Amino acid sequence: MPEKAAEAAVAAGIAAPLGSVQIDHSSFGAGYALPTDECREALDLAARLEGLILDPVYTGKAMAGLVKAVRTGRIEPGMQVVFVHTGGMPALFSPRFASWIEEAWRRER
């Protein structure tokens, strides 16, 4: 995988990135499309603090892992981190997750 990052840097005309790729599988939860409490918190944080809409299937769990890494010190202040948002927002509007939007709306009132 680092080779692809170096190739992308060359194509963009910038220096190859330093550091390493780290993959953390600890935020998957019970399975596909089964969000964790940490995922729900991450969705809320991203929306309120950054205006970033994430889905509860993939990017919400990824953001939960990122939040955990910051809170536990695995990601330290000042470190550069790339978060890849892969889409998935329509999942938020499925009947399965519609109650989340309603709950958030009620909390804000």
PDB file of N, CA and C in Angstrom:
ATOM      1  N   MET A   1       0.815  -1.203   0.000  1.00  0.00           N
ATOM      2  CA  MET A   1       0.000   0.000   0.000  1.00  0.00           C
ATOM      3  C   MET A   1       0.865   1.276   0.000  1.00  0.00           C
ATOM      4  N   PRO A   2       1.995   1.336   0.712  1.00  0.00           N
ATOM      5  CA  PRO A   2       2.811   2.550   0.660  1.00  0.00           C
ATOM      6  C   PRO A   2       3.287   2.889  -0.750  1.00  0.00           C
ATOM      7  N   GLU A   3       3.423   1.863  -1.589  1.00  0.00           N
ATOM      8  CA  GLU A   3       3.857   2.114  -2.962  1.00  0.00           C
ATOM      9  C   GLU A   3       2.829   2.965  -3.705  1.00  0.00           C
ATOM     10  N   LYS A   4       1.559   2.696  -3.472  1.00  0.00           N
ATOM     11  CA  LYS A   4       0.499   3.460  -4.138  1.00  0.00           C
ATOM     12  C   LYS A   4       0.522   4.914  -3.693  1.00  0.00           C
ATOM     13  N   ALA A   5       0.787   5.158  -2.415  1.00  0.00           N
ATOM     14  CA  ALA A   5       0.871   6.529  -1.910  1.00  0.00           C
ATOM     15  C   ALA A   5       2.029   7.260  -2.577  1.00  0.00           C
ATOM     16  N   ALA A   6       3.150   6.573  -2.735  1.00  0.00           N
ATOM     17  CA  ALA A   6       4.314   7.177  -3.394  1.00  0.00           C
ATOM     18  C   ALA A   6       4.010   7.460  -4.867  1.00  0.00           C
ATOM     19  N   GLU A   7       3.334   6.525  -5.536  1.00  0.00           N
ATOM     20  CA  GLU A   7       2.950   6.735  -6.941  1.00  0.00           C
ATOM     21  C   GLU A   7       2.003   7.930  -7.080  1.00  0.00           C
ATOM     22  N   ALA A   8       1.051   8.037  -6.173  1.00  0.00           N
ATOM     23  CA  ALA A   8       0.105   9.156  -6.215  1.00  0.00           C
ATOM     24  C   ALA A   8       0.835  10.479  -5.995  1.00  0.00           C
ATOM     25  N   ALA A   9       1.808  10.490  -5.099  1.00  0.00           N
ATOM     26  CA  ALA A   9       2.577  11.709  -4.842  1.00  0.00           C
ATOM     27  C   ALA A   9       3.353  12.129  -6.082  1.00  0.00           C
ATOM     28  N   VAL A  10       3.991  11.172  -6.745  1.00  0.00           N
ATOM     29  CA  VAL A  10       4.734  11.475  -7.975  1.00  0.00           C
ATOM     30  C   VAL A  10       3.783  12.059  -9.022  1.00  0.00           C
ATOM     31  N   ALA A  11       2.613  11.444  -9.177  1.00  0.00           N
ATOM     32  CA  ALA A  11       1.636  11.927 -10.158  1.00  0.00           C
ATOM     33  C   ALA A  11       1.162  13.335  -9.826  1.00  0.00           C
ATOM     34  N   ALA A  12       1.109  13.659  -8.537  1.00  0.00           N
ATOM     35  CA  ALA A  12       0.654  14.993  -8.117  1.00  0.00           C
ATOM     36  C   ALA A  12       1.797  15.993  -8.075  1.00  0.00           C
ATOM     37  N   GLY A  13       3.025  15.523  -8.280  1.00  0.00           N
ATOM     38  CA  GLY A  13       4.169  16.421  -8.273  1.00  0.00           C
ATOM     39  C   GLY A  13       4.588  16.863  -6.880  1.00  0.00           C
ATOM     40  N   ILE A  14       4.340  16.027  -5.888  1.00  0.00           N
ATOM     41  CA  ILE A  14       4.724  16.358  -4.517  1.00  0.00           C
ATOM     42  C   ILE A  14       5.613  15.256  -3.956  1.00  0.00           C
ATOM     43  N   ALA A  15       6.205  15.540  -2.809  1.00  0.00           N
ATOM     44  CA  ALA A  15       7.088  14.555  -2.184  1.00  0.00           C
ATOM     45  C   ALA A  15       6.288  13.355  -1.689  1.00  0.00           C
ATOM     46  N   ALA A  16       6.915  12.210  -1.720  1.00  0.00           N
ATOM     47  CA  ALA A  16       6.270  10.997  -1.203  1.00  0.00           C
ATOM     48  C   ALA A  16       6.005  11.163   0.287  1.00  0.00           C
ATOM     49  N   PRO A  17       4.906  10.624   0.763  1.00  0.00           N
ATOM     50  CA  PRO A  17       4.579  10.771   2.179  1.00  0.00           C
ATOM     51  C   PRO A  17       5.546   9.998   3.073  1.00  0.00           C
ATOM     52  N   LEU A  18       5.719  10.522   4.263  1.00  0.00           N
ATOM     53  CA  LEU A  18       6.522   9.838   5.269  1.00  0.00           C
ATOM     54  C   LEU A  18       5.568   9.147   6.231  1.00  0.00           C
ATOM     55  N   GLY A  19       6.046   8.227   6.984  1.00  0.00           N
ATOM     56  CA  GLY A  19       5.188   7.557   7.951  1.00  0.00           C
ATOM     57  C   GLY A  19       4.731   6.220   7.434  1.00  0.00           C
ATOM     58  N   SER A  20       3.699   5.712   8.068  1.00  0.00           N
ATOM     59  CA  SER A  20       3.231   4.379   7.701  1.00  0.00           C
ATOM     60  C   SER A  20       1.712   4.334   7.707  1.00  0.00           C
ATOM     61  N   VAL A  21       1.205   3.359   6.992  1.00  0.00           N
ATOM     62  CA  VAL A  21      -0.232   3.110   6.977  1.00  0.00           C
ATOM     63  C   VAL A  21      -0.551   2.236   8.180  1.00  0.00           C
ATOM     64  N   GLN A  22      -1.601   2.619   8.901  1.00  0.00           N
ATOM     65  CA  GLN A  22      -2.025   1.824  10.047  1.00  0.00           C
ATOM     66  C   GLN A  22      -3.481   1.452   9.855  1.00  0.00           C
ATOM     67  N   ILE A  23      -3.776   0.187   9.997  1.00  0.00           N
ATOM     68  CA  ILE A  23      -5.147  -0.288   9.847  1.00  0.00           C
ATOM     69  C   ILE A  23      -5.604  -0.831  11.199  1.00  0.00           C
ATOM     70  N   ASP A  24      -6.748  -0.341  11.646  1.00  0.00           N
ATOM     71  CA  ASP A  24      -7.294  -0.708  12.947  1.00  0.00           C
ATOM     72  C   ASP A  24      -8.657  -1.358  12.734  1.00  0.00           C
ATOM     73  N   HIS A  25      -8.798  -2.581  13.127  1.00  0.00           N
ATOM     74  CA  HIS A  25     -10.056  -3.311  12.940  1.00  0.00           C
ATOM     75  C   HIS A  25     -10.919  -3.342  14.199  1.00  0.00           C
ATOM     76  N   SER A  26     -10.586  -2.543  15.191  1.00  0.00           N
ATOM     77  CA  SER A  26     -11.259  -2.655  16.480  1.00  0.00           C
ATOM     78  C   SER A  26     -12.610  -1.946  16.558  1.00  0.00           C
ATOM     79  N   SER A  27     -13.025  -1.244  15.529  1.00  0.00           N
ATOM     80  CA  SER A  27     -14.292  -0.502  15.583  1.00  0.00           C
ATOM     81  C   SER A  27     -15.375  -1.090  14.693  1.00  0.00           C
ATOM     82  N   PHE A  28     -15.207  -2.332  14.266  1.00  0.00           N
ATOM     83  CA  PHE A  28     -16.196  -2.966  13.400  1.00  0.00           C
ATOM     84  C   PHE A  28     -17.529  -3.198  14.096  1.00  0.00           C
ATOM     85  N   GLY A  29     -17.485  -3.494  15.375  1.00  0.00           N
ATOM     86  CA  GLY A  29     -18.717  -3.828  16.090  1.00  0.00           C
ATOM     87  C   GLY A  29     -19.155  -5.245  15.779  1.00  0.00           C
ATOM     88  N   ALA A  30     -20.454  -5.494  15.928  1.00  0.00           N
ATOM     89  CA  ALA A  30     -20.997  -6.852  15.774  1.00  0.00           C
ATOM     90  C   ALA A  30     -21.091  -7.311  14.323  1.00  0.00           C
ATOM     91  N   GLY A  31     -20.993  -6.387  13.363  1.00  0.00           N
ATOM     92  CA  GLY A  31     -21.061  -6.803  11.976  1.00  0.00           C
ATOM     93  C   GLY A  31     -21.497  -5.685  11.049  1.00  0.00           C
ATOM     94  N   TYR A  32     -21.652  -6.047   9.803  1.00  0.00           N
ATOM     95  CA  TYR A  32     -22.023  -5.110   8.752  1.00  0.00           C
ATOM     96  C   TYR A  32     -23.362  -4.440   9.061  1.00  0.00           C
ATOM     97  N   ALA A  33     -23.392  -3.125   8.920  1.00  0.00           N
ATOM     98  CA  ALA A  33     -24.607  -2.314   9.112  1.00  0.00           C
ATOM     99  C   ALA A  33     -25.190  -2.450  10.514  1.00  0.00           C
ATOM    100  N   LEU A  34     -24.343  -2.807  11.472  1.00  0.00           N
ATOM    101  CA  LEU A  34     -24.761  -2.871  12.868  1.00  0.00           C
ATOM    102  C   LEU A  34     -23.929  -1.855  13.637  1.00  0.00           C
ATOM    103  N   PRO A  35     -24.364  -0.591  13.628  1.00  0.00           N
ATOM    104  CA  PRO A  35     -23.565   0.477  14.241  1.00  0.00           C
ATOM    105  C   PRO A  35     -23.390   0.286  15.751  1.00  0.00           C
ATOM    106  N   THR A  36     -22.285   0.776  16.225  1.00  0.00           N
ATOM    107  CA  THR A  36     -21.983   0.750  17.647  1.00  0.00           C
ATOM    108  C   THR A  36     -22.380   2.085  18.273  1.00  0.00           C
ATOM    109  N   ASP A  37     -22.397   2.129  19.591  1.00  0.00           N
ATOM    110  CA  ASP A  37     -22.648   3.407  20.267  1.00  0.00           C
ATOM    111  C   ASP A  37     -21.571   4.416  19.901  1.00  0.00           C
ATOM    112  N   GLU A  38     -20.330   3.953  19.767  1.00  0.00           N
ATOM    113  CA  GLU A  38     -19.226   4.828  19.387  1.00  0.00           C
ATOM    114  C   GLU A  38     -19.437   5.395  17.979  1.00  0.00           C
ATOM    115  N   CYS A  39     -20.010   4.597  17.097  1.00  0.00           N
ATOM    116  CA  CYS A  39     -20.322   5.056  15.743  1.00  0.00           C
ATOM    117  C   CYS A  39     -21.351   6.178  15.793  1.00  0.00           C
ATOM    118  N   ARG A  40     -22.391   5.981  16.564  1.00  0.00           N
ATOM    119  CA  ARG A  40     -23.427   7.021  16.681  1.00  0.00           C
ATOM    120  C   ARG A  40     -22.835   8.310  17.219  1.00  0.00           C
ATOM    121  N   GLU A  41     -21.955   8.188  18.223  1.00  0.00           N
ATOM    122  CA  GLU A  41     -21.305   9.383  18.766  1.00  0.00           C
ATOM    123  C   GLU A  41     -20.447  10.061  17.700  1.00  0.00           C
ATOM    124  N   ALA A  42     -19.705   9.269  16.932  1.00  0.00           N
ATOM    125  CA  ALA A  42     -18.842   9.822  15.888  1.00  0.00           C
ATOM    126  C   ALA A  42     -19.659  10.523  14.810  1.00  0.00           C
ATOM    127  N   LEU A  43     -20.802   9.951  14.425  1.00  0.00           N
ATOM    128  CA  LEU A  43     -21.688  10.598  13.447  1.00  0.00           C
ATOM    129  C   LEU A  43     -22.120  11.967  13.951  1.00  0.00           C
ATOM    130  N   ASP A  44     -22.503  12.016  15.213  1.00  0.00           N
ATOM    131  CA  ASP A  44     -22.962  13.262  15.818  1.00  0.00           C
ATOM    132  C   ASP A  44     -21.826  14.280  15.899  1.00  0.00           C
ATOM    133  N   LEU A  45     -20.658  13.860  16.361  1.00  0.00           N
ATOM    134  CA  LEU A  45     -19.511  14.770  16.463  1.00  0.00           C
ATOM    135  C   LEU A  45     -19.128  15.346  15.103  1.00  0.00           C
ATOM    136  N   ALA A  46     -19.023  14.488  14.102  1.00  0.00           N
ATOM    137  CA  ALA A  46     -18.621  14.933  12.769  1.00  0.00           C
ATOM    138  C   ALA A  46     -19.627  15.937  12.200  1.00  0.00           C
ATOM    139  N   ALA A  47     -20.912  15.668  12.409  1.00  0.00           N
ATOM    140  CA  ALA A  47     -21.944  16.568  11.880  1.00  0.00           C
ATOM    141  C   ALA A  47     -21.945  17.902  12.627  1.00  0.00           C
ATOM    142  N   ARG A  48     -21.915  17.854  13.953  1.00  0.00           N
ATOM    143  CA  ARG A  48     -21.998  19.088  14.737  1.00  0.00           C
ATOM    144  C   ARG A  48     -20.745  19.936  14.645  1.00  0.00           C
ATOM    145  N   LEU A  49     -19.576  19.306  14.682  1.00  0.00           N
ATOM    146  CA  LEU A  49     -18.329  20.058  14.751  1.00  0.00           C
ATOM    147  C   LEU A  49     -17.729  20.409  13.400  1.00  0.00           C
ATOM    148  N   GLU A  50     -17.986  19.581  12.390  1.00  0.00           N
ATOM    149  CA  GLU A  50     -17.350  19.781  11.083  1.00  0.00           C
ATOM    150  C   GLU A  50     -18.329  19.905   9.920  1.00  0.00           C
ATOM    151  N   GLY A  51     -19.615  19.681  10.165  1.00  0.00           N
ATOM    152  CA  GLY A  51     -20.583  19.693   9.075  1.00  0.00           C
ATOM    153  C   GLY A  51     -20.376  18.527   8.124  1.00  0.00           C
ATOM    154  N   LEU A  52     -19.798  17.462   8.625  1.00  0.00           N
ATOM    155  CA  LEU A  52     -19.452  16.298   7.823  1.00  0.00           C
ATOM    156  C   LEU A  52     -20.493  15.213   8.051  1.00  0.00           C
ATOM    157  N   ILE A  53     -21.169  14.804   6.994  1.00  0.00           N
ATOM    158  CA  ILE A  53     -22.198  13.782   7.093  1.00  0.00           C
ATOM    159  C   ILE A  53     -21.588  12.425   6.756  1.00  0.00           C
ATOM    160  N   LEU A  54     -21.638  11.531   7.717  1.00  0.00           N
ATOM    161  CA  LEU A  54     -21.084  10.189   7.560  1.00  0.00           C
ATOM    162  C   LEU A  54     -22.210   9.169   7.615  1.00  0.00           C
ATOM    163  N   ASP A  55     -21.947   7.985   7.127  1.00  0.00           N
ATOM    164  CA  ASP A  55     -22.970   6.935   7.161  1.00  0.00           C
ATOM    165  C   ASP A  55     -22.711   5.989   8.322  1.00  0.00           C
ATOM    166  N   PRO A  56     -23.727   5.276   8.784  1.00  0.00           N
ATOM    167  CA  PRO A  56     -23.569   4.380   9.918  1.00  0.00           C
ATOM    168  C   PRO A  56     -23.010   3.008   9.562  1.00  0.00           C
ATOM    169  N   VAL A  57     -22.711   2.773   8.304  1.00  0.00           N
ATOM    170  CA  VAL A  57     -22.240   1.453   7.893  1.00  0.00           C
ATOM    171  C   VAL A  57     -20.717   1.417   7.800  1.00  0.00           C
ATOM    172  N   TYR A  58     -20.119   2.379   7.105  1.00  0.00           N
ATOM    173  CA  TYR A  58     -18.665   2.386   6.912  1.00  0.00           C
ATOM    174  C   TYR A  58     -17.985   3.584   7.560  1.00  0.00           C
ATOM    175  N   THR A  59     -18.250   4.783   7.054  1.00  0.00           N
ATOM    176  CA  THR A  59     -17.476   5.940   7.497  1.00  0.00           C
ATOM    177  C   THR A  59     -17.741   6.315   8.943  1.00  0.00           C
ATOM    178  N   GLY A  60     -18.931   6.029   9.447  1.00  0.00           N
ATOM    179  CA  GLY A  60     -19.206   6.290  10.860  1.00  0.00           C
ATOM    180  C   GLY A  60     -18.334   5.426  11.758  1.00  0.00           C
ATOM    181  N   LYS A  61     -18.187   4.166  11.386  1.00  0.00           N
ATOM    182  CA  LYS A  61     -17.324   3.276  12.164  1.00  0.00           C
ATOM    183  C   LYS A  61     -15.862   3.684  12.024  1.00  0.00           C
ATOM    184  N   ALA A  62     -15.471   4.127  10.831  1.00  0.00           N
ATOM    185  CA  ALA A  62     -14.097   4.590  10.635  1.00  0.00           C
ATOM    186  C   ALA A  62     -13.823   5.824  11.490  1.00  0.00           C
ATOM    187  N   MET A  63     -14.786   6.757  11.528  1.00  0.00           N
ATOM    188  CA  MET A  63     -14.609   7.952  12.358  1.00  0.00           C
ATOM    189  C   MET A  63     -14.584   7.580  13.836  1.00  0.00           C
ATOM    190  N   ALA A  64     -15.369   6.591  14.238  1.00  0.00           N
ATOM    191  CA  ALA A  64     -15.333   6.130  15.631  1.00  0.00           C
ATOM    192  C   ALA A  64     -13.930   5.644  15.988  1.00  0.00           C
ATOM    193  N   GLY A  65     -13.300   4.938  15.066  1.00  0.00           N
ATOM    194  CA  GLY A  65     -11.931   4.489  15.290  1.00  0.00           C
ATOM    195  C   GLY A  65     -10.962   5.650  15.386  1.00  0.00           C
ATOM    196  N   LEU A  66     -11.167   6.672  14.552  1.00  0.00           N
ATOM    197  CA  LEU A  66     -10.306   7.854  14.586  1.00  0.00           C
ATOM    198  C   LEU A  66     -10.468   8.601  15.908  1.00  0.00           C
ATOM    199  N   VAL A  67     -11.706   8.773  16.350  1.00  0.00           N
ATOM    200  CA  VAL A  67     -11.969   9.445  17.630  1.00  0.00           C
ATOM    201  C   VAL A  67     -11.288   8.671  18.762  1.00  0.00           C
ATOM    202  N   LYS A  68     -11.433   7.345  18.743  1.00  0.00           N
ATOM    203  CA  LYS A  68     -10.813   6.517  19.782  1.00  0.00           C
ATOM    204  C   LYS A  68      -9.294   6.653  19.763  1.00  0.00           C
ATOM    205  N   ALA A  69      -8.714   6.696  18.574  1.00  0.00           N
ATOM    206  CA  ALA A  69      -7.257   6.820  18.464  1.00  0.00           C
ATOM    207  C   ALA A  69      -6.761   8.143  19.039  1.00  0.00           C
ATOM    208  N   VAL A  70      -7.538   9.197  18.857  1.00  0.00           N
ATOM    209  CA  VAL A  70      -7.165  10.497  19.436  1.00  0.00           C
ATOM    210  C   VAL A  70      -7.307  10.447  20.955  1.00  0.00           C
ATOM    211  N   ARG A  71      -8.418   9.915  21.421  1.00  0.00           N
ATOM    212  CA  ARG A  71      -8.671   9.880  22.870  1.00  0.00           C
ATOM    213  C   ARG A  71      -7.672   9.007  23.625  1.00  0.00           C
ATOM    214  N   THR A  72      -7.194   7.950  22.997  1.00  0.00           N
ATOM    215  CA  THR A  72      -6.252   7.052  23.669  1.00  0.00           C
ATOM    216  C   THR A  72      -4.799   7.464  23.456  1.00  0.00           C
ATOM    217  N   GLY A  73      -4.559   8.493  22.664  1.00  0.00           N
ATOM    218  CA  GLY A  73      -3.202   8.970  22.440  1.00  0.00           C
ATOM    219  C   GLY A  73      -2.470   8.288  21.305  1.00  0.00           C
ATOM    220  N   ARG A  74      -3.136   7.369  20.622  1.00  0.00           N
ATOM    221  CA  ARG A  74      -2.498   6.732  19.463  1.00  0.00           C
ATOM    222  C   ARG A  74      -2.240   7.765  18.367  1.00  0.00           C
ATOM    223  N   ILE A  75      -3.149   8.714  18.252  1.00  0.00           N
ATOM    224  CA  ILE A  75      -2.937   9.886  17.397  1.00  0.00           C
ATOM    225  C   ILE A  75      -2.689  11.057  18.339  1.00  0.00           C
ATOM    226  N   GLU A  76      -1.523  11.635  18.238  1.00  0.00           N
ATOM    227  CA  GLU A  76      -1.118  12.712  19.140  1.00  0.00           C
ATOM    228  C   GLU A  76      -1.424  14.071  18.538  1.00  0.00           C
ATOM    229  N   PRO A  77      -1.557  15.092  19.394  1.00  0.00           N
ATOM    230  CA  PRO A  77      -1.775  16.452  18.880  1.00  0.00           C
ATOM    231  C   PRO A  77      -0.689  16.828  17.877  1.00  0.00           C
ATOM    232  N   GLY A  78      -1.101  17.430  16.787  1.00  0.00           N
ATOM    233  CA  GLY A  78      -0.167  17.869  15.761  1.00  0.00           C
ATOM    234  C   GLY A  78       0.147  16.838  14.692  1.00  0.00           C
ATOM    235  N   MET A  79      -0.252  15.582  14.904  1.00  0.00           N
ATOM    236  CA  MET A  79      -0.003  14.562  13.875  1.00  0.00           C
ATOM    237  C   MET A  79      -0.899  14.820  12.669  1.00  0.00           C
ATOM    238  N   GLN A  80      -0.379  14.555  11.495  1.00  0.00           N
ATOM    239  CA  GLN A  80      -1.185  14.670  10.288  1.00  0.00           C
ATOM    240  C   GLN A  80      -1.862  13.333  10.024  1.00  0.00           C
ATOM    241  N   VAL A  81      -3.169  13.395   9.793  1.00  0.00           N
ATOM    242  CA  VAL A  81      -3.967  12.199   9.574  1.00  0.00           C
ATOM    243  C   VAL A  81      -4.832  12.422   8.345  1.00  0.00           C
ATOM    244  N   VAL A  82      -4.988  11.413   7.527  1.00  0.00           N
ATOM    245  CA  VAL A  82      -5.876  11.476   6.375  1.00  0.00           C
ATOM    246  C   VAL A  82      -7.069  10.575   6.661  1.00  0.00           C
ATOM    247  N   PHE A  83      -8.266  11.155   6.609  1.00  0.00           N
ATOM    248  CA  PHE A  83      -9.499  10.385   6.767  1.00  0.00           C
ATOM    249  C   PHE A  83     -10.151  10.305   5.396  1.00  0.00           C
ATOM    250  N   VAL A  84     -10.351   9.119   4.898  1.00  0.00           N
ATOM    251  CA  VAL A  84     -10.935   8.937   3.576  1.00  0.00           C
ATOM    252  C   VAL A  84     -12.442   8.700   3.738  1.00  0.00           C
ATOM    253  N   HIS A  85     -13.215   9.669   3.269  1.00  0.00           N
ATOM    254  CA  HIS A  85     -14.679   9.575   3.318  1.00  0.00           C
ATOM    255  C   HIS A  85     -15.121   8.903   2.022  1.00  0.00           C
ATOM    256  N   THR A  86     -15.636   7.698   2.150  1.00  0.00           N
ATOM    257  CA  THR A  86     -15.963   6.904   0.962  1.00  0.00           C
ATOM    258  C   THR A  86     -17.413   7.022   0.525  1.00  0.00           C
ATOM    259  N   GLY A  87     -18.165   7.908   1.156  1.00  0.00           N
ATOM    260  CA  GLY A  87     -19.561   8.077   0.762  1.00  0.00           C
ATOM    261  C   GLY A  87     -20.481   7.312   1.683  1.00  0.00           C
ATOM    262  N   GLY A  88     -21.610   6.862   1.163  1.00  0.00           N
ATOM    263  CA  GLY A  88     -22.529   6.069   1.957  1.00  0.00           C
ATOM    264  C   GLY A  88     -23.631   6.855   2.626  1.00  0.00           C
ATOM    265  N   MET A  89     -23.638   8.169   2.468  1.00  0.00           N
ATOM    266  CA  MET A  89     -24.632   8.992   3.146  1.00  0.00           C
ATOM    267  C   MET A  89     -26.066   8.529   2.931  1.00  0.00           C
ATOM    268  N   PRO A  90     -26.472   8.020   1.771  1.00  0.00           N
ATOM    269  CA  PRO A  90     -27.866   7.597   1.614  1.00  0.00           C
ATOM    270  C   PRO A  90     -28.329   6.577   2.648  1.00  0.00           C
ATOM    271  N   ALA A  91     -27.408   5.831   3.230  1.00  0.00           N
ATOM    272  CA  ALA A  91     -27.792   4.866   4.260  1.00  0.00           C
ATOM    273  C   ALA A  91     -28.478   5.550   5.429  1.00  0.00           C
ATOM    274  N   LEU A  92     -28.121   6.803   5.686  1.00  0.00           N
ATOM    275  CA  LEU A  92     -28.755   7.537   6.791  1.00  0.00           C
ATOM    276  C   LEU A  92     -30.253   7.681   6.608  1.00  0.00           C
ATOM    277  N   PHE A  93     -30.703   7.672   5.377  1.00  0.00           N
ATOM    278  CA  PHE A  93     -32.117   7.928   5.103  1.00  0.00           C
ATOM    279  C   PHE A  93     -32.924   6.648   4.899  1.00  0.00           C
ATOM    280  N   SER A  94     -32.304   5.518   5.153  1.00  0.00           N
ATOM    281  CA  SER A  94     -33.050   4.266   5.076  1.00  0.00           C
ATOM    282  C   SER A  94     -33.968   4.191   6.291  1.00  0.00           C
ATOM    283  N   PRO A  95     -35.066   3.482   6.189  1.00  0.00           N
ATOM    284  CA  PRO A  95     -35.978   3.371   7.333  1.00  0.00           C
ATOM    285  C   PRO A  95     -35.289   2.854   8.596  1.00  0.00           C
ATOM    286  N   ARG A  96     -34.275   2.037   8.400  1.00  0.00           N
ATOM    287  CA  ARG A  96     -33.568   1.457   9.548  1.00  0.00           C
ATOM    288  C   ARG A  96     -32.910   2.517  10.427  1.00  0.00           C
ATOM    289  N   PHE A  97     -32.405   3.602   9.821  1.00  0.00           N
ATOM    290  CA  PHE A  97     -31.684   4.615  10.577  1.00  0.00           C
ATOM    291  C   PHE A  97     -32.441   5.936  10.693  1.00  0.00           C
ATOM    292  N   ALA A  98     -33.624   6.037  10.133  1.00  0.00           N
ATOM    293  CA  ALA A  98     -34.395   7.287  10.166  1.00  0.00           C
ATOM    294  C   ALA A  98     -34.674   7.732  11.593  1.00  0.00           C
ATOM    295  N   SER A  99     -34.854   6.808  12.509  1.00  0.00           N
ATOM    296  CA  SER A  99     -35.138   7.172  13.898  1.00  0.00           C
ATOM    297  C   SER A  99     -33.980   7.944  14.522  1.00  0.00           C
ATOM    298  N   TRP A 100     -32.761   7.708  14.052  1.00  0.00           N
ATOM    299  CA  TRP A 100     -31.611   8.445  14.576  1.00  0.00           C
ATOM    300  C   TRP A 100     -31.759   9.930  14.290  1.00  0.00           C
ATOM    301  N   ILE A 101     -32.184  10.249  13.062  1.00  0.00           N
ATOM    302  CA  ILE A 101     -32.343  11.651  12.677  1.00  0.00           C
ATOM    303  C   ILE A 101     -33.439  12.285  13.517  1.00  0.00           C
ATOM    304  N   GLU A 102     -34.517  11.555  13.711  1.00  0.00           N
ATOM    305  CA  GLU A 102     -35.605  12.065  14.538  1.00  0.00           C
ATOM    306  C   GLU A 102     -35.139  12.294  15.976  1.00  0.00           C
ATOM    307  N   GLU A 103     -34.379  11.357  16.540  1.00  0.00           N
ATOM    308  CA  GLU A 103     -33.882  11.497  17.899  1.00  0.00           C
ATOM    309  C   GLU A 103     -32.972  12.728  18.033  1.00  0.00           C
ATOM    310  N   ALA A 104     -32.084  12.916  17.066  1.00  0.00           N
ATOM    311  CA  ALA A 104     -31.174  14.073  17.097  1.00  0.00           C
ATOM    312  C   ALA A 104     -31.978  15.364  17.006  1.00  0.00           C
ATOM    313  N   TRP A 105     -32.980  15.393  16.165  1.00  0.00           N
ATOM    314  CA  TRP A 105     -33.817  16.579  16.001  1.00  0.00           C
ATOM    315  C   TRP A 105     -34.530  16.900  17.317  1.00  0.00           C
ATOM    316  N   ARG A 106     -35.055  15.880  17.979  1.00  0.00           N
ATOM    317  CA  ARG A 106     -35.747  16.089  19.258  1.00  0.00           C
ATOM    318  C   ARG A 106     -34.792  16.600  20.340  1.00  0.00           C
ATOM    319  N   ARG A 107     -33.562  16.099  20.353  1.00  0.00           N
ATOM    320  CA  ARG A 107     -32.577  16.570  21.344  1.00  0.00           C
ATOM    321  C   ARG A 107     -32.276  18.053  21.157  1.00  0.00           C
ATOM    322  N   GLU A 108     -32.252  18.497  19.923  1.00  0.00           N
ATOM    323  CA  GLU A 108     -31.897  19.883  19.615  1.00  0.00           C
ATOM    324  C   GLU A 108     -33.019  20.866  19.938  1.00  0.00           C
ATOM    325  N   ARG A 109     -34.218  20.373  20.080  1.00  0.00           N
ATOM    326  CA  ARG A 109     -35.373  21.262  20.318  1.00  0.00           C
ATOM    327  C   ARG A 109     -35.485  21.662  21.730  1.00  0.00           C
TER     328      ARG A 109
END
